[in-house]
Amino acid sequence: MAATTMKASFPLLMVLGIAFLASVCVSSRSDQDNPFIFESKRFQTLFENENGHIRLLQKFDQRSKIFENLQNYRLLEYKSKPHTIFLPQQTDADFILVVLSGKAILTVLKPNDRDSFNLERGDTIKLPAGTIVYLVNRDDEDELRVLDLAIPVNRPGQIQSFLLPGNQNQQSILSGFSKNILEASFNTDYEEIEKILLEEHEKETHHRRGLRDKRQQSQEKNVIVKVSKKQIEELSKNAKSSSKKSVSSRSEPFNLKSSDPIYSNKYGKFFEITPKKNPQLQDLDIFVNYVEIKEGSLLLPHYNSRAIVIVTVNEGKGDFELVGQRNENQQGLREEDDEEEEQREEETKNQVQSYKAKLTPGDVFVIPAGHPVAVRASSNLNLLGFGINAENNQRNFLAGEEDNVISQIQKPVEDLTFPGSAQEVDRLLENQKQSYFANAQPQQRETRSQEIKEHLYSILGAF
């Protein structure tokens, strides 16, 4: 899903059309062999207790060669119950944080200051690598769900978090320093530092080993902990709300629905924030979009010229169809040194395959650049997308009344490209009176020529 919609050039359409006309349409395989879908079970639980969890999606490039350019992007999900807090931590990754549901207080620490924000559904903010933050679920009833797109700055695809409280698997940042360094840094005896910053206060005296074991268990629980209503009120003081009018701030959160949708009709809405609209996204070259598709409706077939889009299903159910090539269902990044295998790949690389999958909340699917996709909603469907390589990306629709690149083909070229005449092609394209979103169950139309139905091998025929 992309920034601006422009008409494709004649050479692009010719190359694309010839490739599809010359290809053999191969039926889709099972969802298990579909590399473009990452079901929610592919999230790994990094931490979980009675108050919530933190989960990390598997690496994108583990599924297919086509995701090599996504090896440094990871998805993290945070979920917590009402009146809880994710205690302070910092990570060696840039984050784009989006609230999927619930209400939060996000506090961002600076060397000589701090900012606190009241966040709600759709609120988004960039957190630079190394920023210490803590996140509170301030709601009385609803769970808080937050999704982060992480871009590590040290090792590609490897995220390292440093916790102030520490946990069973990782000690606090401060506990990693020697006794002498801590004493000199805080100008205090180590025993006092250990008691106040590194250990839980205990009413009874414990043997050193027993104390260490209990501290370790307590730290494991202390990643996500309960917070009182009074403490929430204190944390809420001076907290700012996200901007509902402007998305131009360099450091404050913005809401994905603060601007008018770029596409909208009675079947759906498509909101998008691009680097041109918000400076927080410029250095990362990423856009963020938020799509609502009504039950029984269809996001019409389209493709992105440059952007690779990572899409999370927030709410609802549906299905998607993505048109790719046959060899894209290969699992993992394997070096091919077998000449015969390479020859087989070369022979099948232009064969079109339809990849299909059912969508449920928590699922993730990836749309590579140039790959046509359509999404249908079996219930009200809500999607969140991160677009990598946002600059100069174009979204090209393949059906609909407006912004349909196929309708821009000149009549002499239509005669040469399709089995039907230019007049028949134009009449077919004019049947769809909607743009961007449409009814997934169209009304009966006049019977078309059987020859056109059987032999119109165009991009649309691959869906």
Protein backbone atom coordinates (compact mmCIF):
# COMPACT_ATOMS: atom_id res chain seq x y z
CA MET A 1 0.00 0.00 0.00
CA ALA A 2 1.65 3.26 -1.02
CA ALA A 3 2.01 7.01 -0.81
CA THR A 4 0.60 8.56 -3.98
CA THR A 5 -1.22 7.16 -6.97
CA MET A 6 0.17 7.90 -10.43
CA LYS A 7 -0.35 6.53 -13.88
CA ALA A 8 2.07 3.83 -14.98
CA SER A 9 4.14 4.50 -18.04
CA PHE A 10 3.56 2.72 -21.35
CA PRO A 11 6.83 0.70 -21.24
CA LEU A 12 6.07 -0.58 -17.74
CA LEU A 13 2.64 -1.79 -18.76
CA MET A 14 3.99 -3.45 -21.86
CA VAL A 15 6.67 -5.35 -19.94
CA LEU A 16 4.23 -6.31 -17.22
CA GLY A 17 1.53 -7.32 -19.65
CA ILE A 18 3.85 -9.42 -21.80
CA ALA A 19 5.20 -11.22 -18.75
CA PHE A 20 1.72 -12.18 -17.61
CA LEU A 21 0.47 -13.11 -21.05
CA ALA A 22 3.45 -15.40 -21.61
CA SER A 23 3.13 -17.06 -18.22
CA VAL A 24 1.26 -20.15 -17.20
CA CYS A 25 -1.18 -19.63 -14.36
CA VAL A 26 -0.46 -22.19 -11.62
CA SER A 27 -3.01 -22.93 -8.92
CA SER A 28 -2.11 -22.01 -5.36
CA ARG A 29 -0.77 -24.52 -2.86
CA SER A 30 -1.75 -24.92 0.78
CA ASP A 31 -1.44 -22.03 3.23
CA GLN A 32 1.50 -23.83 4.81
CA ASP A 33 3.47 -23.33 1.59
CA ASN A 34 2.45 -19.69 1.23
CA PRO A 35 5.55 -17.63 2.14
CA PHE A 36 3.61 -14.35 2.18
CA ILE A 37 1.48 -15.20 5.24
CA PHE A 38 2.81 -15.31 8.81
CA GLU A 39 0.11 -16.70 11.06
CA SER A 40 -0.03 -15.41 14.63
CA LYS A 41 1.48 -18.66 15.89
CA ARG A 42 4.75 -17.59 14.26
CA PHE A 43 5.22 -15.02 17.01
CA GLN A 44 7.70 -16.16 19.65
CA THR A 45 6.89 -15.27 23.27
CA LEU A 46 9.83 -13.36 24.76
CA PHE A 47 8.14 -12.70 28.10
CA GLU A 48 4.81 -13.59 29.67
CA ASN A 49 3.22 -13.32 33.10
CA GLU A 50 -0.26 -12.80 34.51
CA ASN A 51 -0.14 -9.11 33.52
CA GLY A 52 0.72 -9.44 29.83
CA HIS A 53 3.29 -10.54 27.26
CA ILE A 54 5.90 -9.46 24.73
CA ARG A 55 6.09 -11.39 21.44
CA LEU A 56 8.45 -11.25 18.44
CA LEU A 57 7.56 -12.39 14.91
CA GLN A 58 9.99 -14.78 13.22
CA LYS A 59 12.45 -13.27 10.76
CA PHE A 60 10.87 -12.47 7.42
CA ASP A 61 13.79 -13.81 5.37
CA GLN A 62 13.41 -17.26 6.93
CA ARG A 63 10.39 -17.87 4.71
CA SER A 64 11.56 -16.92 1.23
CA LYS A 65 14.41 -15.42 -0.77
CA ILE A 66 12.15 -12.57 -1.79
CA PHE A 67 12.31 -11.13 1.75
CA GLU A 68 16.08 -10.67 1.82
CA ASN A 69 15.60 -6.90 1.99
CA LEU A 70 13.51 -7.32 5.15
CA GLN A 71 16.21 -9.08 7.15
CA ASN A 72 16.73 -6.00 9.33
CA TYR A 73 13.03 -5.45 10.13
CA ARG A 74 11.20 -7.18 12.99
CA LEU A 75 7.69 -6.97 14.44
CA LEU A 76 7.13 -6.84 18.21
CA GLU A 77 3.76 -7.08 19.95
CA TYR A 78 3.15 -5.79 23.49
CA LYS A 79 -0.05 -6.72 25.35
CA SER A 80 -1.01 -5.87 28.93
CA LYS A 81 -4.02 -5.92 31.23
CA PRO A 82 -5.64 -2.79 32.71
CA HIS A 83 -3.64 -0.85 35.32
CA THR A 84 -0.26 -2.37 34.44
CA ILE A 85 3.09 -0.95 33.35
CA PHE A 86 5.94 -2.12 31.13
CA LEU A 87 8.89 -1.03 33.26
CA PRO A 88 11.72 1.12 31.81
CA GLN A 89 13.92 -0.35 29.11
CA GLN A 90 15.97 0.74 26.11
CA THR A 91 16.63 -1.14 22.89
CA ASP A 92 19.29 -1.00 20.17
CA ALA A 93 16.66 -0.45 17.49
CA ASP A 94 14.57 2.36 16.03
CA PHE A 95 10.88 1.74 16.69
CA ILE A 96 7.69 2.85 15.02
CA LEU A 97 5.11 2.26 17.74
CA VAL A 98 1.38 1.99 16.96
CA VAL A 99 -1.45 1.51 19.47
CA LEU A 100 -3.80 -1.17 18.13
CA SER A 101 -6.30 -1.04 21.01
CA GLY A 102 -6.66 0.37 24.50
CA LYS A 103 -5.35 3.52 26.16
CA ALA A 104 -1.78 4.14 27.28
CA ILE A 105 0.60 6.59 28.86
CA LEU A 106 3.95 6.56 27.11
CA THR A 107 6.86 8.27 28.86
CA VAL A 108 10.02 9.03 26.88
CA LEU A 109 13.13 9.94 28.86
CA LYS A 110 15.70 12.51 27.72
CA PRO A 111 19.02 13.42 29.37
CA ASN A 112 17.56 16.52 31.05
CA ASP A 113 13.84 16.13 30.48
CA ARG A 114 11.00 13.72 29.75
CA ASP A 115 7.83 13.71 27.65
CA SER A 116 4.63 11.88 28.54
CA PHE A 117 1.82 11.21 26.08
CA ASN A 118 -1.72 9.90 26.41
CA LEU A 119 -2.11 7.44 23.55
CA GLU A 120 -5.21 5.86 22.05
CA ARG A 121 -6.02 3.57 19.17
CA GLY A 122 -4.24 4.61 15.98
CA ASP A 123 -1.68 6.81 17.74
CA THR A 124 1.82 6.39 16.31
CA ILE A 125 5.26 7.63 17.30
CA LYS A 126 8.87 6.99 16.34
CA LEU A 127 11.21 6.03 19.19
CA PRO A 128 14.89 6.42 18.27
CA ALA A 129 17.28 3.62 19.22
CA GLY A 130 18.52 3.81 22.80
CA THR A 131 15.54 5.78 24.11
CA ILE A 132 14.46 4.72 27.61
CA VAL A 133 10.67 4.42 27.74
CA TYR A 134 7.94 2.99 29.94
CA LEU A 135 4.37 2.25 28.96
CA VAL A 136 1.26 2.20 31.17
CA ASN A 137 -2.16 0.72 30.42
CA ARG A 138 -4.29 3.49 31.92
CA ASP A 139 -7.63 1.92 30.99
CA ASP A 140 -9.94 0.51 33.67
CA GLU A 141 -11.32 -2.33 31.56
CA ASP A 142 -9.64 -2.93 28.19
CA GLU A 143 -6.34 -4.60 27.39
CA LEU A 144 -3.61 -2.57 25.74
CA ARG A 145 -2.15 -3.85 22.47
CA VAL A 146 0.83 -2.17 20.86
CA LEU A 147 2.71 -3.12 17.71
CA ASP A 148 6.29 -2.04 17.03
CA LEU A 149 8.19 -2.17 13.76
CA ALA A 150 11.81 -2.45 14.90
CA ILE A 151 14.90 -1.61 12.85
CA PRO A 152 18.04 -2.76 14.77
CA VAL A 153 21.16 -0.59 14.56
CA ASN A 154 23.82 -3.14 15.61
CA ARG A 155 23.22 -6.55 14.04
CA PRO A 156 20.72 -7.05 11.21
CA GLY A 157 17.52 -8.54 12.56
CA GLN A 158 18.91 -8.95 16.09
CA ILE A 159 17.25 -6.91 18.84
CA GLN A 160 18.88 -6.39 22.22
CA SER A 161 16.95 -4.81 25.08
CA PHE A 162 18.49 -3.45 28.25
CA LEU A 163 16.20 -3.39 31.28
CA LEU A 164 16.49 -1.16 34.32
CA PRO A 165 14.79 -3.72 36.63
CA GLY A 166 16.31 -6.75 34.88
CA ASN A 167 14.71 -10.19 34.68
CA GLN A 168 15.52 -13.87 34.96
CA ASN A 169 17.23 -13.98 31.57
CA GLN A 170 18.95 -10.61 31.71
CA GLN A 171 20.26 -8.53 34.57
CA SER A 172 19.64 -4.85 35.06
CA ILE A 173 21.89 -2.48 33.13
CA LEU A 174 23.42 -1.26 36.39
CA SER A 175 24.20 -4.72 37.76
CA GLY A 176 26.60 -5.25 34.87
CA PHE A 177 29.07 -2.72 36.29
CA SER A 178 31.70 -3.57 38.87
CA LYS A 179 31.38 -2.59 42.53
CA ASN A 180 34.10 0.06 42.23
CA ILE A 181 32.52 1.72 39.19
CA LEU A 182 29.10 1.87 40.88
CA GLU A 183 30.51 3.30 44.12
CA ALA A 184 32.41 5.99 42.23
CA SER A 185 29.46 6.77 39.93
CA PHE A 186 26.91 7.23 42.72
CA ASN A 187 29.39 8.34 45.40
CA THR A 188 27.83 5.82 47.77
CA ASP A 189 28.75 2.50 49.37
CA TYR A 190 27.96 -0.52 47.22
CA GLU A 191 25.69 -2.07 49.87
CA GLU A 192 23.41 0.97 49.71
CA ILE A 193 23.39 0.91 45.88
CA GLU A 194 22.63 -2.80 45.86
CA LYS A 195 19.82 -2.42 48.37
CA ILE A 196 18.14 0.48 46.59
CA LEU A 197 18.75 -0.14 42.90
CA LEU A 198 19.60 -3.80 42.48
CA GLU A 199 17.58 -5.76 45.05
CA GLU A 200 14.01 -5.91 46.31
CA HIS A 201 13.44 -4.56 49.81
CA GLU A 202 12.94 -7.44 52.22
CA LYS A 203 11.45 -7.30 55.69
CA GLU A 204 13.36 -10.37 56.81
CA THR A 205 17.01 -11.31 56.54
CA HIS A 206 17.74 -14.05 54.01
CA HIS A 207 20.76 -16.12 53.26
CA ARG A 208 22.62 -14.55 50.28
CA ARG A 209 21.79 -17.44 47.96
CA GLY A 210 18.14 -17.50 48.99
CA LEU A 211 17.94 -13.76 48.50
CA ARG A 212 19.45 -14.05 45.03
CA ASP A 213 16.93 -16.72 44.04
CA LYS A 214 14.00 -14.72 45.33
CA ARG A 215 15.27 -11.58 43.63
CA GLN A 216 15.57 -13.45 40.36
CA GLN A 217 11.94 -14.63 40.59
CA SER A 218 10.77 -11.16 41.57
CA GLN A 219 12.61 -9.56 38.65
CA GLU A 220 10.96 -11.97 36.24
CA LYS A 221 7.58 -10.74 37.44
CA ASN A 222 8.68 -7.12 37.39
CA VAL A 223 8.86 -6.67 33.61
CA ILE A 224 5.08 -6.04 33.53
CA VAL A 225 3.62 -5.14 36.93
CA LYS A 226 0.44 -3.79 38.44
CA VAL A 227 0.11 -0.07 39.06
CA SER A 228 -2.46 1.64 41.26
CA LYS A 229 -5.06 4.12 40.08
CA LYS A 230 -3.39 6.78 42.20
CA GLN A 231 -0.05 6.08 40.53
CA ILE A 232 -1.70 6.31 37.11
CA GLU A 233 -3.14 9.70 38.02
CA GLU A 234 0.34 10.84 39.02
CA LEU A 235 1.85 9.54 35.77
CA SER A 236 -0.89 11.25 33.78
CA LYS A 237 0.02 14.70 35.02
CA ASN A 238 1.26 16.89 32.16
CA ALA A 239 0.80 14.03 29.66
CA LYS A 240 0.02 15.37 26.19
CA SER A 241 -2.53 13.91 23.80
CA SER A 242 -1.72 12.94 20.25
CA SER A 243 -2.39 15.54 17.59
CA LYS A 244 -5.71 15.08 15.83
CA LYS A 245 -5.11 18.01 13.48
CA SER A 246 -1.48 17.91 12.42
CA VAL A 247 1.06 15.16 11.72
CA SER A 248 4.08 17.37 11.19
CA SER A 249 5.78 17.10 14.61
CA ARG A 250 9.28 15.61 14.80
CA SER A 251 8.86 14.10 18.26
CA GLU A 252 5.20 13.95 19.27
CA PRO A 253 2.76 11.15 18.44
CA PHE A 254 0.35 11.44 15.54
CA ASN A 255 -2.85 9.58 14.81
CA LEU A 256 -3.25 7.59 11.61
CA LYS A 257 -6.82 8.84 11.22
CA SER A 258 -5.98 12.51 11.86
CA SER A 259 -6.10 13.28 8.14
CA ASP A 260 -8.78 12.48 5.58
CA PRO A 261 -8.51 9.02 4.00
CA ILE A 262 -6.68 8.95 0.68
CA TYR A 263 -9.26 6.43 -0.62
CA SER A 264 -12.80 6.19 0.68
CA ASN A 265 -16.29 5.04 -0.23
CA LYS A 266 -19.11 3.11 1.43
CA TYR A 267 -17.09 -0.13 1.23
CA GLY A 268 -13.93 1.01 2.99
CA LYS A 269 -11.41 3.65 4.03
CA PHE A 270 -7.67 3.88 3.48
CA PHE A 271 -5.62 6.22 5.72
CA GLU A 272 -1.91 6.77 5.15
CA ILE A 273 0.92 8.81 6.66
CA THR A 274 3.99 9.15 4.44
CA PRO A 275 7.48 10.61 5.05
CA LYS A 276 6.35 13.72 3.15
CA LYS A 277 3.55 14.22 5.67
CA ASN A 278 5.54 13.43 8.79
CA PRO A 279 9.27 14.04 9.38
CA GLN A 280 9.51 11.19 11.91
CA LEU A 281 9.29 8.74 9.02
CA GLN A 282 11.75 10.45 6.68
CA ASP A 283 15.06 8.96 7.77
CA LEU A 284 13.51 5.47 7.98
CA ASP A 285 11.86 5.82 4.52
CA ILE A 286 8.70 4.15 5.80
CA PHE A 287 5.00 4.93 5.45
CA VAL A 288 2.27 3.72 7.81
CA ASN A 289 -1.29 3.04 6.73
CA TYR A 290 -4.55 2.00 8.35
CA VAL A 291 -7.22 0.26 6.26
CA GLU A 292 -10.86 -0.41 7.12
CA ILE A 293 -12.78 -2.79 4.84
CA LYS A 294 -16.49 -3.32 5.44
CA GLU A 295 -17.90 -6.83 5.70
CA GLY A 296 -18.52 -8.29 2.25
CA SER A 297 -16.27 -5.74 0.56
CA LEU A 298 -13.07 -5.91 -1.46
CA LEU A 299 -9.90 -3.83 -1.59
CA LEU A 300 -9.44 -3.89 -5.36
CA PRO A 301 -6.35 -5.48 -6.99
CA HIS A 302 -3.32 -3.20 -6.91
CA TYR A 303 0.45 -3.28 -6.58
CA ASN A 304 3.22 -1.02 -5.27
CA SER A 305 6.04 0.06 -7.51
CA ARG A 306 8.82 0.17 -4.88
CA ALA A 307 7.41 -0.44 -1.39
CA ILE A 308 7.43 -3.76 0.46
CA VAL A 309 4.42 -3.66 2.80
CA ILE A 310 4.18 -5.56 6.10
CA VAL A 311 0.50 -5.84 7.03
CA THR A 312 -0.94 -6.90 10.40
CA VAL A 313 -4.56 -7.98 10.83
CA ASN A 314 -5.81 -5.99 13.80
CA GLU A 315 -9.48 -6.94 13.83
CA GLY A 316 -11.87 -9.00 11.75
CA LYS A 317 -11.54 -11.85 9.27
CA GLY A 318 -11.10 -12.13 5.54
CA ASP A 319 -8.75 -13.48 2.93
CA PHE A 320 -6.17 -12.19 0.51
CA GLU A 321 -4.93 -13.23 -2.90
CA LEU A 322 -1.46 -12.29 -4.04
CA VAL A 323 -0.06 -12.90 -7.51
CA GLY A 324 3.56 -14.00 -7.53
CA GLN A 325 5.85 -16.38 -9.34
CA ARG A 326 5.93 -20.09 -8.88
CA ASN A 327 9.41 -20.35 -7.33
CA GLU A 328 8.63 -17.85 -4.55
CA ASN A 329 7.27 -20.59 -2.28
CA GLN A 330 10.78 -21.91 -1.64
CA GLN A 331 11.49 -21.88 2.07
CA GLY A 332 14.57 -20.20 3.53
CA LEU A 333 17.66 -18.69 1.97
CA ARG A 334 19.44 -21.61 0.34
CA GLU A 335 22.41 -21.30 -1.95
CA GLU A 336 21.76 -23.22 -5.13
CA ASP A 337 24.84 -24.85 -6.64
CA ASP A 338 23.03 -27.52 -8.58
CA GLU A 339 22.92 -26.53 -12.25
CA GLU A 340 19.86 -28.63 -12.91
CA GLU A 341 17.97 -26.95 -10.06
CA GLU A 342 18.97 -23.52 -11.33
CA GLN A 343 17.74 -24.44 -14.80
CA ARG A 344 14.39 -25.54 -13.38
CA GLU A 345 14.11 -22.23 -11.53
CA GLU A 346 14.85 -20.32 -14.73
CA GLU A 347 12.16 -22.27 -16.58
CA THR A 348 9.49 -21.62 -13.95
CA LYS A 349 10.33 -18.08 -12.86
CA ASN A 350 7.74 -16.50 -15.20
CA GLN A 351 4.95 -18.88 -14.24
CA VAL A 352 2.27 -17.01 -12.33
CA GLN A 353 0.98 -18.50 -9.11
CA SER A 354 -1.92 -17.32 -6.99
CA TYR A 355 -1.08 -17.35 -3.28
CA LYS A 356 -4.16 -17.34 -1.05
CA ALA A 357 -4.69 -17.34 2.71
CA LYS A 358 -7.41 -16.81 5.29
CA LEU A 359 -6.87 -13.83 7.58
CA THR A 360 -7.57 -13.78 11.31
CA PRO A 361 -6.60 -11.28 14.03
CA GLY A 362 -2.87 -11.34 14.76
CA ASP A 363 -1.87 -12.68 11.34
CA VAL A 364 0.75 -10.86 9.29
CA PHE A 365 1.17 -10.88 5.52
CA VAL A 366 3.82 -9.28 3.34
CA ILE A 367 3.27 -7.68 -0.08
CA PRO A 368 6.51 -7.44 -2.09
CA ALA A 369 6.94 -4.61 -4.55
CA GLY A 370 5.36 -5.26 -7.94
CA HIS A 371 3.16 -8.11 -6.64
CA PRO A 372 -0.58 -7.52 -7.26
CA VAL A 373 -2.79 -8.16 -4.22
CA ALA A 374 -6.48 -8.01 -3.32
CA VAL A 375 -8.07 -8.29 0.14
CA ARG A 376 -11.65 -9.39 0.83
CA ALA A 377 -13.43 -8.94 4.17
CA SER A 378 -15.72 -11.67 5.52
CA SER A 379 -16.36 -9.43 8.56
CA ASN A 380 -15.41 -5.82 9.23
CA LEU A 381 -11.66 -5.96 8.67
CA ASN A 382 -9.03 -3.61 10.08
CA LEU A 383 -5.42 -3.69 8.80
CA LEU A 384 -2.23 -1.89 9.82
CA GLY A 385 0.57 -1.62 7.25
CA PHE A 386 4.23 -0.56 7.32
CA GLY A 387 5.67 0.27 3.89
CA ILE A 388 9.44 -0.13 3.43
CA ASN A 389 11.00 2.01 0.62
CA ALA A 390 8.31 4.66 0.75
CA GLU A 391 10.04 7.34 -1.32
CA ASN A 392 8.83 7.57 -4.92
CA ASN A 393 6.51 4.60 -4.44
CA GLN A 394 3.38 4.50 -6.61
CA ARG A 395 0.26 2.47 -5.94
CA ASN A 396 -1.26 1.23 -9.20
CA PHE A 397 -4.79 -0.15 -9.22
CA LEU A 398 -5.76 -2.80 -11.77
CA ALA A 399 -9.54 -2.33 -11.54
CA GLY A 400 -12.00 0.40 -10.65
CA GLU A 401 -13.20 3.62 -12.18
CA GLU A 402 -10.38 5.87 -10.93
CA ASP A 403 -6.59 5.41 -10.91
CA ASN A 404 -6.83 2.23 -12.97
CA VAL A 405 -3.57 1.89 -14.91
CA ILE A 406 -4.98 -0.67 -17.34
CA SER A 407 -7.56 1.88 -18.51
CA GLN A 408 -4.69 4.12 -19.61
CA ILE A 409 -3.53 1.69 -22.31
CA GLN A 410 -4.11 3.16 -25.76
CA LYS A 411 -6.62 1.41 -28.00
CA PRO A 412 -4.12 0.16 -30.63
CA VAL A 413 -2.10 -1.45 -27.84
CA GLU A 414 -5.24 -2.98 -26.29
CA ASP A 415 -5.93 -4.66 -29.63
CA LEU A 416 -2.41 -6.10 -29.63
CA THR A 417 -2.35 -7.07 -25.95
CA PHE A 418 -5.70 -8.77 -25.24
CA PRO A 419 -7.75 -11.41 -27.10
CA GLY A 420 -10.78 -9.12 -27.02
CA SER A 421 -11.06 -5.96 -29.08
CA ALA A 422 -10.21 -2.58 -27.60
CA GLN A 423 -13.93 -1.78 -27.47
CA GLU A 424 -14.66 -4.98 -25.56
CA VAL A 425 -11.80 -4.36 -23.14
CA ASP A 426 -12.97 -0.80 -22.45
CA ARG A 427 -16.54 -1.96 -21.95
CA LEU A 428 -15.35 -4.63 -19.51
CA LEU A 429 -13.30 -2.14 -17.50
CA GLU A 430 -16.24 0.28 -17.33
CA ASN A 431 -18.42 -2.30 -15.57
CA GLN A 432 -16.85 -1.42 -12.22
CA LYS A 433 -18.23 1.94 -11.14
CA GLN A 434 -16.48 1.94 -7.75
CA SER A 435 -12.85 2.86 -7.06
CA TYR A 436 -10.37 1.35 -4.58
CA PHE A 437 -13.06 -0.55 -2.62
CA ALA A 438 -16.03 -2.44 -4.07
CA ASN A 439 -18.69 -5.03 -3.31
CA ALA A 440 -17.06 -8.46 -3.17
CA GLN A 441 -20.26 -9.99 -4.59
CA PRO A 442 -20.98 -8.05 -7.80
CA GLN A 443 -24.42 -8.05 -9.40
CA GLN A 444 -25.09 -10.19 -12.45
CA ARG A 445 -24.08 -8.48 -15.67
CA GLU A 446 -24.81 -9.15 -19.28
CA THR A 447 -23.26 -12.30 -20.65
CA ARG A 448 -19.92 -11.62 -22.30
CA SER A 449 -18.35 -13.43 -25.13
CA GLN A 450 -17.26 -16.90 -24.02
CA GLU A 451 -14.03 -16.39 -25.91
CA ILE A 452 -13.19 -13.32 -23.83
CA LYS A 453 -14.03 -15.15 -20.59
CA GLU A 454 -11.84 -18.10 -21.46
CA HIS A 455 -8.89 -16.33 -23.04
CA LEU A 456 -8.52 -12.90 -21.39
CA TYR A 457 -5.13 -13.70 -19.84
CA SER A 458 -4.39 -10.38 -18.18
CA ILE A 459 -3.17 -9.45 -14.71
CA LEU A 460 -6.75 -9.56 -13.49
CA GLY A 461 -7.11 -13.13 -14.68
CA ALA A 462 -4.51 -14.25 -12.17
CA PHE A 463 -6.82 -13.50 -9.23
